[in-house]
N, C-alpha and C. Protein backbone atom coordinates (compact mmCIF):
# COMPACT_ATOMS: atom_id res chain seq x y z
N UNK A 1 77.35 142.26 40.44
CA UNK A 1 77.85 140.56 40.46
C UNK A 1 77.85 140.21 39.36
N UNK A 2 78.89 139.20 39.04
CA UNK A 2 79.18 138.51 37.72
C UNK A 2 78.39 137.24 37.89
N UNK A 3 77.58 136.93 36.51
CA UNK A 3 76.38 135.49 36.96
C UNK A 3 77.53 134.32 36.40
N UNK A 4 77.83 133.27 37.32
CA UNK A 4 78.48 132.21 37.41
C UNK A 4 77.82 131.16 36.74
N UNK A 5 78.30 130.98 35.57
CA UNK A 5 77.49 129.47 34.86
C UNK A 5 77.71 128.30 35.68
N UNK A 6 76.10 127.89 35.67
CA UNK A 6 75.72 126.82 36.52
C UNK A 6 75.96 125.43 35.42
N UNK A 7 76.32 124.12 36.03
CA UNK A 7 75.87 123.17 35.36
C UNK A 7 74.39 122.93 34.95
N UNK A 8 74.31 122.32 34.11
CA UNK A 8 72.74 122.05 34.07
C UNK A 8 72.07 120.86 35.03
N UNK A 9 70.66 121.37 35.46
CA UNK A 9 70.14 120.83 36.47
C UNK A 9 70.54 121.18 37.75
N UNK A 10 71.59 122.42 37.94
CA UNK A 10 71.64 122.92 39.40
C UNK A 10 71.58 124.61 39.08
N UNK A 11 70.63 124.49 39.97
CA UNK A 11 69.95 125.87 40.61
C UNK A 11 70.61 126.71 41.31
N UNK A 12 70.31 128.10 41.06
CA UNK A 12 71.31 129.05 41.84
C UNK A 12 70.42 129.30 43.11
N UNK A 13 71.19 129.23 44.41
CA UNK A 13 70.33 129.32 45.43
C UNK A 13 71.26 130.28 46.20
N UNK A 14 71.93 131.52 45.69
CA UNK A 14 72.99 132.38 46.35
C UNK A 14 72.20 132.89 47.31
N UNK A 15 70.96 133.50 46.58
CA UNK A 15 70.15 134.49 47.71
C UNK A 15 69.51 133.84 49.18
N UNK A 16 68.92 132.61 49.08
CA UNK A 16 68.94 131.89 50.37
C UNK A 16 69.95 131.35 51.13
N UNK A 17 71.25 131.19 50.39
CA UNK A 17 72.36 131.15 51.24
C UNK A 17 72.60 132.47 51.89
N UNK A 18 72.71 133.50 51.45
CA UNK A 18 72.79 134.86 52.00
C UNK A 18 71.75 134.96 53.41
N UNK A 19 70.82 134.69 53.14
CA UNK A 19 69.92 135.03 53.85
C UNK A 19 70.02 133.87 54.87
N UNK A 20 70.22 132.84 54.98
CA UNK A 20 70.93 131.70 55.70
C UNK A 20 71.84 132.49 56.64
N UNK A 21 72.92 132.85 56.55
CA UNK A 21 74.11 133.17 56.94
C UNK A 21 73.80 134.62 57.71
N UNK A 22 72.86 135.09 57.11
CA UNK A 22 72.68 136.36 57.79
C UNK A 22 71.66 136.26 59.07
N UNK A 23 70.70 134.83 59.13
CA UNK A 23 70.18 134.13 60.37
C UNK A 23 71.26 133.95 60.97
N UNK A 24 72.23 133.26 60.69
CA UNK A 24 73.05 132.76 61.45
C UNK A 24 73.85 133.59 62.34
N UNK A 25 74.43 134.70 61.59
CA UNK A 25 75.14 135.88 62.54
C UNK A 25 74.41 136.56 63.79
N UNK A 26 72.99 136.68 63.00
CA UNK A 26 72.25 137.16 64.29
C UNK A 26 72.13 136.01 65.71
N UNK A 27 71.93 135.40 65.08
CA UNK A 27 71.83 133.92 66.23
C UNK A 27 73.06 134.07 67.23
N UNK A 28 74.41 134.41 66.63
CA UNK A 28 75.65 134.04 67.15
C UNK A 28 75.78 135.54 68.04
N UNK A 29 74.93 136.79 67.84
CA UNK A 29 75.12 137.79 68.25
C UNK A 29 73.96 137.76 69.54
N UNK A 30 72.77 137.18 69.30
CA UNK A 30 71.85 136.95 70.32
C UNK A 30 72.48 136.08 71.31
N UNK A 31 73.25 134.90 71.01
CA UNK A 31 73.82 134.20 72.17
C UNK A 31 75.21 134.53 73.06
N UNK A 32 75.75 135.45 72.07
CA UNK A 32 76.86 136.39 72.88
C UNK A 32 76.50 137.04 73.81
N UNK A 33 75.20 138.11 73.46
CA UNK A 33 74.30 138.91 74.68
C UNK A 33 74.30 137.97 75.85
N UNK A 34 73.41 136.98 75.26
CA UNK A 34 72.64 135.92 76.67
C UNK A 34 73.92 135.33 77.31
N UNK A 35 74.97 135.22 76.82
CA UNK A 35 76.21 134.65 77.55
C UNK A 35 76.59 135.72 78.30
N UNK A 36 76.92 137.04 78.11
CA UNK A 36 77.45 138.00 78.68
C UNK A 36 76.28 138.74 79.93
N UNK A 37 75.38 138.20 79.34
CA UNK A 37 74.15 138.85 80.67
C UNK A 37 74.16 137.90 81.69
N UNK A 38 74.26 136.60 80.97
CA UNK A 38 74.51 135.30 82.35
C UNK A 38 75.78 135.53 83.06
N UNK A 39 76.76 135.69 82.23
CA UNK A 39 77.98 135.84 83.10
C UNK A 39 78.15 137.32 84.33
N UNK A 40 77.28 138.31 84.00
CA UNK A 40 77.59 139.25 84.46
C UNK A 40 75.96 139.23 85.64
N UNK A 41 75.30 138.36 85.92
CA UNK A 41 74.44 137.91 86.75
C UNK A 41 73.17 138.77 86.53
N UNK A 42 72.64 138.94 85.65
CA UNK A 42 71.51 139.65 85.04
C UNK A 42 70.34 138.43 84.65
N UNK A 43 70.86 137.40 84.62
CA UNK A 43 69.57 136.15 84.59
C UNK A 43 69.25 135.58 86.13
N UNK A 44 69.99 135.70 87.07
CA UNK A 44 69.95 134.91 88.16
C UNK A 44 71.28 134.71 89.21
N UNK A 45 71.02 134.24 90.07
CA UNK A 45 72.51 133.91 90.92
C UNK A 45 73.40 133.88 90.16
N UNK A 46 74.70 134.67 90.92
CA UNK A 46 75.89 134.56 90.79
C UNK A 46 76.46 135.72 89.63
N UNK A 47 77.62 136.34 89.51
CA UNK A 47 77.84 137.33 88.89
C UNK A 47 77.58 138.35 89.51
N UNK A 48 78.05 139.92 88.64
CA UNK A 48 78.31 141.20 89.69
C UNK A 48 76.46 141.68 89.96
N UNK A 49 75.80 141.65 88.95
CA UNK A 49 74.63 142.14 89.42
C UNK A 49 73.49 141.51 90.11
N UNK A 50 73.75 140.00 90.38
CA UNK A 50 72.83 139.35 91.15
C UNK A 50 72.65 139.78 92.49
N UNK A 51 73.24 139.98 93.32
CA UNK A 51 73.38 140.52 94.71
C UNK A 51 73.45 141.93 94.50
N UNK A 52 72.74 142.06 96.10
CA UNK A 52 73.32 144.03 96.68
C UNK A 52 73.62 143.96 98.01
N UNK A 53 74.73 144.50 98.29
CA UNK A 53 74.81 144.54 99.58
C UNK A 53 74.63 145.98 100.40
N UNK A 54 74.23 145.84 101.19
CA UNK A 54 73.42 146.87 102.18
C UNK A 54 74.14 146.96 103.45
N UNK A 55 74.37 148.16 103.90
CA UNK A 55 75.40 148.65 105.18
C UNK A 55 74.73 149.22 106.08
N UNK A 56 74.38 148.47 107.16
CA UNK A 56 73.28 149.36 108.22
C UNK A 56 74.33 149.40 109.24
N UNK A 57 73.65 150.12 110.60
CA UNK A 57 74.44 150.19 111.82
C UNK A 57 74.58 148.61 112.25
N UNK A 58 75.74 148.51 112.46
CA UNK A 58 75.96 147.35 113.32
C UNK A 58 75.95 146.13 112.36
N UNK A 59 75.87 146.02 111.02
CA UNK A 59 75.69 144.87 110.34
C UNK A 59 75.72 145.26 108.68
N UNK A 60 76.01 144.20 108.01
CA UNK A 60 75.81 144.50 106.53
C UNK A 60 75.25 142.95 105.85
N UNK A 61 74.56 143.35 104.76
CA UNK A 61 73.65 142.38 104.60
C UNK A 61 73.77 142.34 102.98
N UNK A 62 74.02 141.05 102.32
CA UNK A 62 73.94 140.54 100.91
C UNK A 62 72.78 139.95 100.72
N UNK A 63 71.92 140.48 99.83
CA UNK A 63 70.84 140.47 99.39
C UNK A 63 70.53 140.23 98.07
N UNK A 64 69.74 139.15 97.57
CA UNK A 64 69.54 138.81 95.88
C UNK A 64 69.09 140.00 95.52
N UNK A 65 69.09 140.50 94.43
CA UNK A 65 68.58 141.60 93.24
C UNK A 65 68.14 140.74 92.31
N UNK A 66 68.32 139.49 91.95
CA UNK A 66 67.87 139.02 90.79
C UNK A 66 67.81 137.35 90.92
N UNK A 67 66.88 136.61 90.99
CA UNK A 67 66.56 135.30 91.38
C UNK A 67 65.63 134.94 90.62
N UNK A 68 65.89 133.35 90.46
CA UNK A 68 64.94 132.70 89.84
C UNK A 68 63.75 131.98 90.63
N UNK A 69 62.86 131.83 89.46
CA UNK A 69 61.60 131.53 90.34
C UNK A 69 61.60 129.86 90.74
N UNK A 70 61.39 129.37 92.07
CA UNK A 70 61.39 128.31 92.63
C UNK A 70 62.56 127.57 92.97
N UNK A 71 63.53 128.67 92.96
CA UNK A 71 65.28 128.15 92.82
C UNK A 71 65.67 128.69 94.36
N UNK A 72 66.38 127.84 94.97
CA UNK A 72 67.05 128.24 96.16
C UNK A 72 68.05 129.63 96.17
N UNK A 73 68.03 130.36 97.27
CA UNK A 73 68.79 131.64 97.23
C UNK A 73 68.85 131.84 98.83
N UNK A 74 70.03 132.88 99.08
CA UNK A 74 70.27 132.87 100.39
C UNK A 74 70.65 134.40 100.46
N UNK A 75 70.44 134.86 102.18
CA UNK A 75 70.45 136.30 102.14
C UNK A 75 71.85 136.08 103.64
N UNK A 76 72.97 136.78 103.34
CA UNK A 76 74.20 136.79 104.32
C UNK A 76 73.97 137.85 105.36
N UNK A 77 73.92 137.74 106.57
CA UNK A 77 73.95 138.91 107.24
C UNK A 77 75.23 138.92 108.27
N UNK A 78 76.02 139.77 108.35
CA UNK A 78 77.49 140.07 108.82
C UNK A 78 76.89 141.00 110.22
N UNK A 79 76.72 140.35 110.99
CA UNK A 79 76.71 141.51 112.20
C UNK A 79 78.23 141.61 113.23
N UNK A 80 78.06 143.17 113.23
CA UNK A 80 79.61 143.47 114.26
C UNK A 80 79.47 142.85 115.45
N UNK A 81 80.50 142.83 116.15
CA UNK A 81 80.62 142.01 117.51
C UNK A 81 79.84 143.40 118.36
N UNK A 82 79.04 142.74 119.18
CA UNK A 82 78.36 143.80 120.44
C UNK A 82 78.23 142.95 121.57
N UNK A 83 78.01 143.74 122.26
CA UNK A 83 77.27 142.91 123.74
C UNK A 83 75.93 142.59 123.86
N UNK A 84 75.29 143.43 123.12
CA UNK A 84 73.79 142.86 122.88
C UNK A 84 73.40 142.19 122.04
N UNK A 85 72.01 141.71 121.97
CA UNK A 85 71.54 140.59 121.04
C UNK A 85 71.33 141.41 119.79
N UNK A 86 71.52 140.73 118.44
CA UNK A 86 71.30 141.37 117.09
C UNK A 86 70.11 140.74 116.41
N UNK A 87 69.40 141.54 116.26
CA UNK A 87 67.82 141.25 115.61
C UNK A 87 68.10 141.47 114.09
N UNK A 88 67.76 140.63 113.27
CA UNK A 88 67.18 141.05 111.82
C UNK A 88 65.96 141.11 111.91
N UNK A 89 65.30 142.12 111.16
CA UNK A 89 63.97 142.36 110.91
C UNK A 89 63.70 142.15 109.25
N UNK A 90 62.55 141.63 109.06
CA UNK A 90 61.86 141.96 107.78
C UNK A 90 60.14 141.81 107.65
N UNK A 91 59.94 142.43 106.83
CA UNK A 91 58.11 142.48 106.88
C UNK A 91 57.14 141.60 106.12
N UNK A 92 56.19 141.34 106.18
CA UNK A 92 55.21 140.32 105.59
C UNK A 92 55.55 140.48 104.01
N UNK A 93 55.90 141.70 103.19
CA UNK A 93 56.29 141.30 101.98
C UNK A 93 57.18 140.40 101.71
N UNK A 94 58.28 140.55 102.37
CA UNK A 94 59.48 139.71 102.27
C UNK A 94 58.91 138.26 102.03
N UNK A 95 58.07 137.74 102.99
CA UNK A 95 57.44 136.10 102.73
C UNK A 95 56.43 136.28 101.91
N UNK A 96 56.31 137.42 100.67
CA UNK A 96 55.59 137.11 99.52
C UNK A 96 56.32 136.51 98.51
N UNK A 97 57.75 137.03 98.59
CA UNK A 97 58.92 136.45 97.64
C UNK A 97 59.48 135.44 98.06
N UNK A 98 59.79 135.16 99.34
CA UNK A 98 60.64 134.11 99.62
C UNK A 98 60.12 133.33 100.84
N UNK A 99 59.99 132.10 100.98
CA UNK A 99 60.30 131.10 102.07
C UNK A 99 61.38 131.14 102.77
N UNK A 100 61.51 130.79 104.10
CA UNK A 100 62.68 130.65 104.57
C UNK A 100 62.57 129.14 105.12
N UNK A 101 63.83 128.71 104.57
CA UNK A 101 64.24 127.58 104.34
C UNK A 101 64.99 127.05 105.91
N UNK A 102 65.89 127.24 106.09
CA UNK A 102 66.93 127.30 107.29
C UNK A 102 67.71 128.83 107.59
N UNK A 103 67.66 128.72 108.79
CA UNK A 103 68.72 129.94 109.30
C UNK A 103 69.85 129.26 109.93
N UNK A 104 71.53 129.73 109.83
CA UNK A 104 71.86 129.26 110.26
C UNK A 104 73.09 130.36 110.86
N UNK A 105 73.57 130.44 111.85
CA UNK A 105 73.16 129.78 113.43
C UNK A 105 71.91 129.93 113.39
N UNK A 106 70.77 129.27 114.29
CA UNK A 106 69.39 129.08 114.36
C UNK A 106 69.55 130.63 115.27
N UNK A 107 68.35 131.25 115.40
CA UNK A 107 67.86 132.54 116.13
C UNK A 107 67.70 131.79 117.52
N UNK A 108 67.74 132.67 118.34
CA UNK A 108 67.59 132.46 119.79
C UNK A 108 66.23 132.75 120.01
N UNK A 109 65.42 133.54 119.28
CA UNK A 109 64.07 133.53 119.55
C UNK A 109 63.51 134.63 118.20
N UNK A 110 62.26 134.19 118.30
CA UNK A 110 61.60 134.86 117.09
C UNK A 110 60.56 135.88 117.50
N UNK A 111 60.57 137.22 116.93
CA UNK A 111 59.75 137.84 117.72
C UNK A 111 58.86 138.98 116.25
N UNK A 112 57.64 138.91 116.58
CA UNK A 112 56.91 139.51 115.62
C UNK A 112 55.92 141.21 116.22
N UNK A 113 56.56 142.08 115.71
CA UNK A 113 56.01 143.31 116.62
C UNK A 113 56.23 144.08 114.91
N UNK A 114 54.88 145.16 114.95
CA UNK A 114 54.69 146.54 114.52
C UNK A 114 54.73 146.20 112.71
N UNK A 115 54.04 144.81 112.52
CA UNK A 115 53.72 144.16 111.42
C UNK A 115 55.23 143.50 110.67
N UNK A 116 56.26 143.20 111.49
CA UNK A 116 57.51 142.78 110.95
C UNK A 116 57.88 141.50 111.66
N UNK A 117 58.52 140.67 111.21
CA UNK A 117 59.17 139.04 112.16
C UNK A 117 60.54 139.66 112.64
N UNK A 118 61.15 139.50 113.48
CA UNK A 118 62.50 139.58 113.83
C UNK A 118 62.99 138.13 114.38
N UNK A 119 64.25 138.21 113.83
CA UNK A 119 65.01 136.93 114.25
C UNK A 119 66.17 137.48 115.26
N UNK A 120 66.08 137.26 116.62
CA UNK A 120 67.45 137.72 117.52
C UNK A 120 68.41 136.66 117.78
N UNK A 121 69.69 136.90 117.48
CA UNK A 121 70.90 135.90 117.85
C UNK A 121 71.70 136.75 118.78
N UNK A 122 72.09 135.62 119.45
CA UNK A 122 72.58 135.99 120.65
C UNK A 122 74.00 137.05 120.61
N UNK A 123 74.62 137.83 121.66
CA UNK A 123 75.75 138.39 121.12
C UNK A 123 76.59 137.87 121.61
N UNK A 124 77.92 138.82 120.54
CA UNK A 124 79.18 137.98 120.78
C UNK A 124 80.16 139.34 120.66
N UNK A 125 80.51 139.22 121.73
CA UNK A 125 81.93 140.70 122.09
C UNK A 125 83.11 140.36 121.22
N UNK A 126 83.83 139.33 121.24
CA UNK A 126 84.68 138.71 120.59
C UNK A 126 85.04 139.04 118.95
N UNK A 127 83.69 138.58 118.15
CA UNK A 127 84.02 138.62 116.60
C UNK A 127 82.89 138.70 116.39
N UNK A 128 82.65 138.81 114.97
CA UNK A 128 81.46 139.25 114.19
C UNK A 128 80.90 137.94 114.10
N UNK A 129 79.22 137.98 113.57
CA UNK A 129 78.90 136.74 113.29
C UNK A 129 78.06 136.96 112.11
N UNK A 130 78.05 135.56 111.36
CA UNK A 130 77.41 135.35 109.93
C UNK A 130 76.61 134.88 110.24
N UNK A 131 75.16 135.37 109.74
CA UNK A 131 74.27 134.86 109.53
C UNK A 131 73.51 134.37 108.48
N UNK A 132 73.29 133.13 107.60
CA UNK A 132 73.07 132.64 106.80
C UNK A 132 71.38 132.43 106.43
N UNK A 133 70.78 132.95 105.87
CA UNK A 133 69.07 132.53 105.70
C UNK A 133 69.28 131.83 104.56
N UNK A 134 68.53 130.55 104.41
CA UNK A 134 68.33 129.63 102.79
C UNK A 134 67.07 129.98 102.56
N UNK A 135 67.29 130.64 101.44
CA UNK A 135 65.46 130.89 100.85
C UNK A 135 65.25 130.18 99.84
N UNK A 136 63.80 130.10 99.61
CA UNK A 136 63.16 129.48 98.63
C UNK A 136 62.35 130.52 97.89
N UNK A 137 62.54 131.06 96.45
CA UNK A 137 61.52 131.98 95.96
C UNK A 137 60.19 131.62 95.75
N UNK A 138 59.14 132.50 96.02
CA UNK A 138 57.98 132.08 96.11
C UNK A 138 57.16 132.50 94.75
N UNK A 139 57.27 133.58 94.15
CA UNK A 139 56.47 133.89 92.76
C UNK A 139 57.34 134.97 92.15
N UNK A 140 57.19 134.64 90.67
CA UNK A 140 57.82 135.58 90.01
C UNK A 140 57.51 137.12 90.01
N UNK A 141 58.48 137.99 89.41
CA UNK A 141 58.12 139.00 89.19
C UNK A 141 58.92 140.34 90.23
N UNK A 142 58.49 141.22 90.22
CA UNK A 142 59.47 142.39 90.91
C UNK A 142 58.80 142.11 92.40
N UNK A 143 59.54 142.35 93.46
CA UNK A 143 58.84 142.25 94.54
C UNK A 143 59.63 142.96 95.42
N UNK A 144 59.08 144.04 96.43
CA UNK A 144 59.72 145.02 97.30
C UNK A 144 59.51 144.35 98.70
N UNK A 145 60.27 144.73 99.58
CA UNK A 145 60.33 144.57 101.27
C UNK A 145 61.15 145.30 101.79
N UNK A 146 60.82 145.16 103.13
CA UNK A 146 61.60 145.76 103.86
C UNK A 146 62.62 145.02 104.61
N UNK A 147 64.09 145.24 105.08
CA UNK A 147 64.61 144.49 105.52
C UNK A 147 65.75 145.57 106.48
N UNK A 148 66.11 145.01 107.83
CA UNK A 148 67.06 145.53 108.49
C UNK A 148 67.50 144.92 109.74
N UNK A 149 68.34 145.81 110.59
CA UNK A 149 68.63 145.32 111.94
C UNK A 149 68.35 146.59 113.14
N UNK A 150 67.11 145.83 114.25
CA UNK A 150 66.95 147.01 115.02
C UNK A 150 66.08 147.72 114.48
N UNK A 151 66.58 148.99 114.36
CA UNK A 151 65.53 150.17 114.20
C UNK A 151 66.20 150.74 112.52
N UNK A 152 67.15 150.68 112.16
CA UNK A 152 67.62 150.74 110.91
C UNK A 152 67.07 149.70 110.01
N UNK A 153 65.93 150.12 109.05
CA UNK A 153 65.23 149.16 108.22
C UNK A 153 65.40 150.04 107.07
N UNK A 154 65.62 149.47 105.98
CA UNK A 154 65.84 149.99 104.50
C UNK A 154 64.85 149.02 103.32
N UNK A 155 64.30 149.76 102.69
CA UNK A 155 63.19 148.89 101.76
C UNK A 155 64.42 148.48 100.53
N UNK A 156 63.86 147.19 99.99
CA UNK A 156 64.88 146.64 98.88
C UNK A 156 63.57 146.24 97.90
N UNK A 157 64.32 145.44 96.97
CA UNK A 157 63.77 145.09 95.69
C UNK A 157 64.25 143.68 95.15
N UNK A 158 63.41 143.14 94.87
CA UNK A 158 64.20 141.48 94.05
C UNK A 158 63.43 141.17 92.69
N UNK A 159 64.16 140.90 91.77
CA UNK A 159 63.08 140.45 90.72
C UNK A 159 63.53 139.11 90.44
N UNK A 160 62.31 137.81 90.47
CA UNK A 160 62.33 136.84 90.35
C UNK A 160 61.98 136.65 89.02
N UNK A 161 62.77 135.97 88.30
CA UNK A 161 62.76 135.58 86.93
C UNK A 161 61.39 134.51 87.03
N UNK A 162 60.86 134.10 85.93
CA UNK A 162 59.75 132.78 85.76
C UNK A 162 60.47 131.82 85.55
């Protein structure tokens, strides 16, 4: 590198300037990574990876896989048309991760058996029924719980960011 003659009283700070530029470029890269992670749903609600879809006998469930602490979230259950009442079952670990704020439409009854809570919904022969559970997250970190319909129960997990 050739030496540039600076006027009297002006000091050469080119090394400091190159370090500042390097830190700026690193910050741009980190912010770009953070933006892409947000758009993909890796930091909470919305995006490709923020929820998971589970297909069970007679129903499909859309469950959050990544959520934020003390933030609202929801589970969507789509029941196929049926002549029998449909039941959504969750175990007690579900209530360690979430509190159920509202259920729309409201269940006709709530049951408890074998360490699980069940929400029973009326039958509908003509159309599928969409049930939305509006939730509030309880505690951060990884939570595993069981959820299902009738005898078809699956184990799922959700990561709640602090």
